Amino acid sequence: MAAEDRLDLPMVGERQSLREQVAHALRAALITGEMRPGVVYSAPVLAAQFGVSATPVREAMLDLAKEGLVEAVRNKGFRVTELSDRDLDELTEIRQLIEVPTVARLAGRAREEEFERLRPVAEEIVSAAERGDLLAYVDADLRFHVELLTLAGNAHLVEVVRDLRNRARLYGLSQLRERDVLGDSAREHLTLLDALKSGDRQAVQHLMTEHIGHVRGIWAEH
């Protein structure tokens, strides 16, 4: 195995299915940028690094393919999907069209208790950023936004946004962690909850627009 093909992957255990554990580890490698866009990865090679058979790795890769994160390459393996700046701009535009007005309409004291139930999740995001735990950051961030959008009562909208977020996954987060930028984005979730509780729709619109645009700015740099 060539040195440049070897990834720093964890060994997997038995508490979850091998398929789930491998998929989780591969998502982590995608998020940190260790698995690089355009590179083809062989299931048997990855399986050897995990210390498992190739079958659960192929199954996990197929799960990631359904999410648009990788694509199958016949007789070779799986290639990490590349997203151009235009792709990211378009995905971000759709997110802003959907998420900004939807979240702004939620603002008001009538939902104060529901917003407060999200505060521990927002604090998880900040804590993960402070620890530099990239996978925990992305997991908590997705949970926060999905649970917030769920309050609007439109399950189809939630699934559309979940798909957009999966496709526009975060590359280069390890560099952001080193530059201490991650914490700024994390704390925006707490500010957003305060604006929602106060019923200030204009502030919520501004915060959501800035938050999504801020993330796009991070992507564009990497």
Protein backbone atom coordinates (compact mmCIF):
# COMPACT_ATOMS: atom_id res chain seq x y z
CA MET A 1 0.00 0.00 0.00
CA ALA A 2 1.46 3.36 -1.03
CA ALA A 3 2.09 5.77 1.84
CA GLU A 4 -0.03 8.47 0.21
CA ASP A 5 -3.01 6.08 0.04
CA ARG A 6 -3.00 5.30 3.75
CA LEU A 7 -5.53 7.13 5.92
CA ASP A 8 -5.36 7.59 9.68
CA LEU A 9 -8.50 5.54 10.33
CA PRO A 10 -9.60 4.09 13.68
CA MET A 11 -10.08 0.39 14.30
CA VAL A 12 -13.74 -0.52 14.68
CA GLY A 13 -15.41 -2.49 17.47
CA GLU A 14 -18.68 -4.32 17.96
CA ARG A 15 -21.16 -2.00 19.69
CA GLN A 16 -22.63 -0.75 16.40
CA SER A 17 -22.83 -2.70 13.18
CA LEU A 18 -19.58 -2.67 11.24
CA ARG A 19 -21.37 -0.91 8.41
CA GLU A 20 -22.47 1.94 10.73
CA GLN A 21 -19.06 2.27 12.36
CA VAL A 22 -17.24 2.34 9.04
CA ALA A 23 -19.68 4.90 7.61
CA HIS A 24 -19.20 7.07 10.72
CA ALA A 25 -15.40 6.89 10.42
CA LEU A 26 -15.50 7.67 6.70
CA ARG A 27 -17.73 10.69 7.30
CA ALA A 28 -15.18 11.91 9.82
CA ALA A 29 -12.42 11.50 7.22
CA LEU A 30 -14.52 13.45 4.72
CA ILE A 31 -15.25 16.24 7.17
CA THR A 32 -11.62 16.71 8.13
CA GLY A 33 -10.56 16.65 4.50
CA GLU A 34 -8.43 13.55 4.98
CA MET A 35 -10.39 11.85 2.22
CA ARG A 36 -9.80 14.20 -0.68
CA PRO A 37 -12.23 15.19 -3.47
CA GLY A 38 -11.56 13.45 -6.76
CA VAL A 39 -9.48 10.65 -5.21
CA VAL A 40 -10.64 7.05 -5.77
CA TYR A 41 -10.55 4.83 -2.66
CA SER A 42 -10.56 1.04 -2.84
CA ALA A 43 -12.90 -0.83 -0.49
CA PRO A 44 -10.39 -3.68 0.11
CA VAL A 45 -7.61 -1.19 0.90
CA LEU A 46 -9.81 0.70 3.36
CA ALA A 47 -11.00 -2.59 4.84
CA ALA A 48 -7.41 -3.61 5.56
CA GLN A 49 -6.88 -0.34 7.43
CA PHE A 50 -10.07 -0.85 9.46
CA GLY A 51 -9.22 -4.48 10.15
CA VAL A 52 -12.51 -5.75 8.72
CA SER A 53 -13.68 -7.50 5.54
CA ALA A 54 -14.40 -5.49 2.42
CA THR A 55 -18.18 -6.10 2.62
CA PRO A 56 -19.10 -3.62 5.39
CA VAL A 57 -16.82 -1.03 3.78
CA ARG A 58 -18.59 -1.39 0.43
CA GLU A 59 -21.96 -1.19 2.21
CA ALA A 60 -20.88 1.96 4.07
CA MET A 61 -19.59 3.50 0.86
CA LEU A 62 -22.94 2.80 -0.81
CA ASP A 63 -24.64 4.63 2.08
CA LEU A 64 -22.37 7.62 1.50
CA ALA A 65 -23.08 7.42 -2.24
CA LYS A 66 -26.82 7.76 -1.52
CA GLU A 67 -25.98 10.97 0.36
CA GLY A 68 -24.04 12.27 -2.62
CA LEU A 69 -20.73 12.23 -0.75
CA VAL A 70 -18.98 9.65 -2.96
CA GLU A 71 -19.64 8.01 -6.32
CA ALA A 72 -18.91 4.48 -7.47
CA VAL A 73 -16.12 3.98 -10.02
CA ARG A 74 -16.55 0.68 -11.85
CA ASN A 75 -13.92 -1.95 -10.92
CA LYS A 76 -11.91 0.60 -8.94
CA GLY A 77 -13.78 1.77 -5.84
CA PHE A 78 -15.37 5.03 -4.80
CA ARG A 79 -14.44 8.60 -5.67
CA VAL A 80 -15.06 11.47 -3.24
CA THR A 81 -17.49 13.82 -4.96
CA GLU A 82 -16.06 17.15 -6.01
CA LEU A 83 -18.11 20.32 -5.58
CA SER A 84 -17.19 23.45 -7.53
CA ASP A 85 -17.55 26.96 -6.14
CA ARG A 86 -20.62 27.31 -8.37
CA ASP A 87 -22.13 24.14 -6.89
CA LEU A 88 -21.60 25.50 -3.37
CA ASP A 89 -22.97 28.93 -4.31
CA GLU A 90 -26.12 27.35 -5.74
CA LEU A 91 -26.64 25.04 -2.77
CA THR A 92 -26.14 27.95 -0.39
CA GLU A 93 -28.61 30.11 -2.34
CA ILE A 94 -31.25 27.39 -2.04
CA ARG A 95 -30.58 27.05 1.69
CA GLN A 96 -31.00 30.79 2.16
CA LEU A 97 -34.26 30.83 0.18
CA ILE A 98 -35.66 28.03 2.35
CA GLU A 99 -34.13 28.43 5.80
CA VAL A 100 -34.07 32.21 6.30
CA PRO A 101 -37.82 32.91 5.94
CA THR A 102 -38.81 29.63 7.59
CA VAL A 103 -36.76 30.26 10.72
CA ALA A 104 -37.75 33.95 10.82
CA ARG A 105 -41.44 32.96 10.94
CA LEU A 106 -40.75 30.92 14.08
CA ALA A 107 -39.66 33.98 16.09
CA GLY A 108 -41.83 34.78 19.09
CA ARG A 109 -42.30 34.17 22.79
CA ALA A 110 -45.02 31.57 22.14
CA ARG A 111 -42.23 29.12 21.28
CA GLU A 112 -39.86 30.19 24.03
CA GLU A 113 -39.81 26.77 25.71
CA GLU A 114 -39.14 25.03 22.40
CA PHE A 115 -36.22 27.32 21.69
CA GLU A 116 -34.81 26.71 25.16
CA ARG A 117 -34.83 22.96 24.54
CA LEU A 118 -32.41 23.65 21.70
CA ARG A 119 -29.97 25.57 23.89
CA PRO A 120 -28.12 22.44 25.12
CA VAL A 121 -27.57 21.45 21.48
CA ALA A 122 -26.25 24.93 20.68
CA GLU A 123 -23.92 24.63 23.66
CA GLU A 124 -22.76 21.23 22.36
CA ILE A 125 -21.75 22.95 19.12
CA VAL A 126 -19.72 25.54 21.02
CA SER A 127 -18.12 22.87 23.21
CA ALA A 128 -17.20 20.76 20.17
CA ALA A 129 -15.64 23.81 18.50
CA GLU A 130 -13.63 24.59 21.64
CA ARG A 131 -12.39 20.97 21.79
CA GLY A 132 -11.65 20.96 18.09
CA ASP A 133 -13.88 17.88 17.70
CA LEU A 134 -14.92 18.31 14.09
CA LEU A 135 -17.26 15.34 13.78
CA ALA A 136 -19.10 16.24 17.00
CA TYR A 137 -19.36 19.83 15.71
CA VAL A 138 -20.97 18.80 12.43
CA ASP A 139 -23.25 16.23 14.13
CA ALA A 140 -24.53 18.76 16.68
CA ASP A 141 -24.82 21.52 14.06
CA LEU A 142 -26.98 19.33 11.82
CA ARG A 143 -29.13 18.28 14.77
CA PHE A 144 -29.65 21.91 15.82
CA HIS A 145 -30.78 23.13 12.41
CA VAL A 146 -32.95 20.09 11.70
CA GLU A 147 -34.71 20.33 15.08
CA LEU A 148 -35.20 24.08 14.61
CA LEU A 149 -36.71 23.64 11.15
CA THR A 150 -38.89 20.79 12.45
CA LEU A 151 -40.74 23.39 14.53
CA ALA A 152 -42.15 24.78 11.28
CA GLY A 153 -44.12 21.55 10.85
CA ASN A 154 -43.06 20.73 7.28
CA ALA A 155 -41.31 17.35 7.17
CA HIS A 156 -40.57 17.62 3.43
CA LEU A 157 -38.81 20.94 3.94
CA VAL A 158 -36.66 19.40 6.67
CA GLU A 159 -35.60 16.54 4.39
CA VAL A 160 -34.74 18.94 1.57
CA VAL A 161 -32.49 20.98 3.86
CA ARG A 162 -30.92 17.83 5.33
CA ASP A 163 -30.05 16.70 1.79
CA LEU A 164 -28.61 20.13 0.90
CA ARG A 165 -26.45 20.06 4.02
CA ASN A 166 -25.22 16.54 3.27
CA ARG A 167 -24.25 17.52 -0.27
CA ALA A 168 -22.52 20.70 0.85
CA ARG A 169 -20.43 18.99 3.51
CA LEU A 170 -17.62 20.88 5.17
CA TYR A 171 -14.14 20.36 3.80
CA GLY A 172 -11.05 21.85 5.41
CA LEU A 173 -12.54 22.11 8.90
CA SER A 174 -9.22 21.08 10.43
CA GLN A 175 -7.68 24.27 9.04
CA LEU A 176 -10.55 26.33 10.44
CA ARG A 177 -9.97 24.73 13.82
CA GLU A 178 -6.33 25.71 13.69
CA ARG A 179 -7.28 29.28 12.76
CA ASP A 180 -9.81 29.42 15.63
CA VAL A 181 -12.65 30.41 13.27
CA LEU A 182 -14.88 27.51 14.21
CA GLY A 183 -15.85 29.05 17.56
CA ASP A 184 -17.29 32.18 15.94
CA SER A 185 -19.67 30.14 13.80
CA ALA A 186 -20.58 27.95 16.78
CA ARG A 187 -21.58 30.89 19.00
CA GLU A 188 -23.92 32.20 16.31
CA HIS A 189 -26.36 29.44 17.27
CA LEU A 190 -26.76 30.85 20.78
CA THR A 191 -27.26 34.38 19.43
CA LEU A 192 -29.89 33.05 17.05
CA LEU A 193 -31.84 31.42 19.90
CA ASP A 194 -31.85 34.71 21.83
CA ALA A 195 -33.22 36.56 18.79
CA LEU A 196 -35.89 33.90 18.24
CA LYS A 197 -37.00 34.11 21.87
CA SER A 198 -37.25 37.90 21.70
CA GLY A 199 -39.48 37.70 18.63
CA ASP A 200 -37.20 39.91 16.54
CA ARG A 201 -37.85 38.52 13.06
CA GLN A 202 -35.62 41.08 11.36
CA ALA A 203 -32.70 40.12 13.59
CA VAL A 204 -33.37 36.42 12.96
CA GLN A 205 -33.39 37.01 9.19
CA HIS A 206 -30.11 38.88 9.42
CA LEU A 207 -28.48 36.25 11.64
CA MET A 208 -29.59 33.33 9.47
CA THR A 209 -28.42 35.07 6.30
CA GLU A 210 -25.07 35.88 7.87
CA HIS A 211 -24.71 32.39 9.35
CA ILE A 212 -25.32 30.58 6.07
CA GLY A 213 -23.22 33.12 4.16
CA HIS A 214 -20.42 32.82 6.71
CA VAL A 215 -20.29 29.07 6.20
CA ARG A 216 -20.21 29.56 2.41
CA GLY A 217 -17.33 31.98 2.88
CA ILE A 218 -15.45 29.27 4.78
CA TRP A 219 -16.10 26.74 2.02
CA ALA A 220 -14.96 29.17 -0.68
CA GLU A 221 -11.60 29.53 1.00
CA HIS A 222 -10.99 25.78 0.83
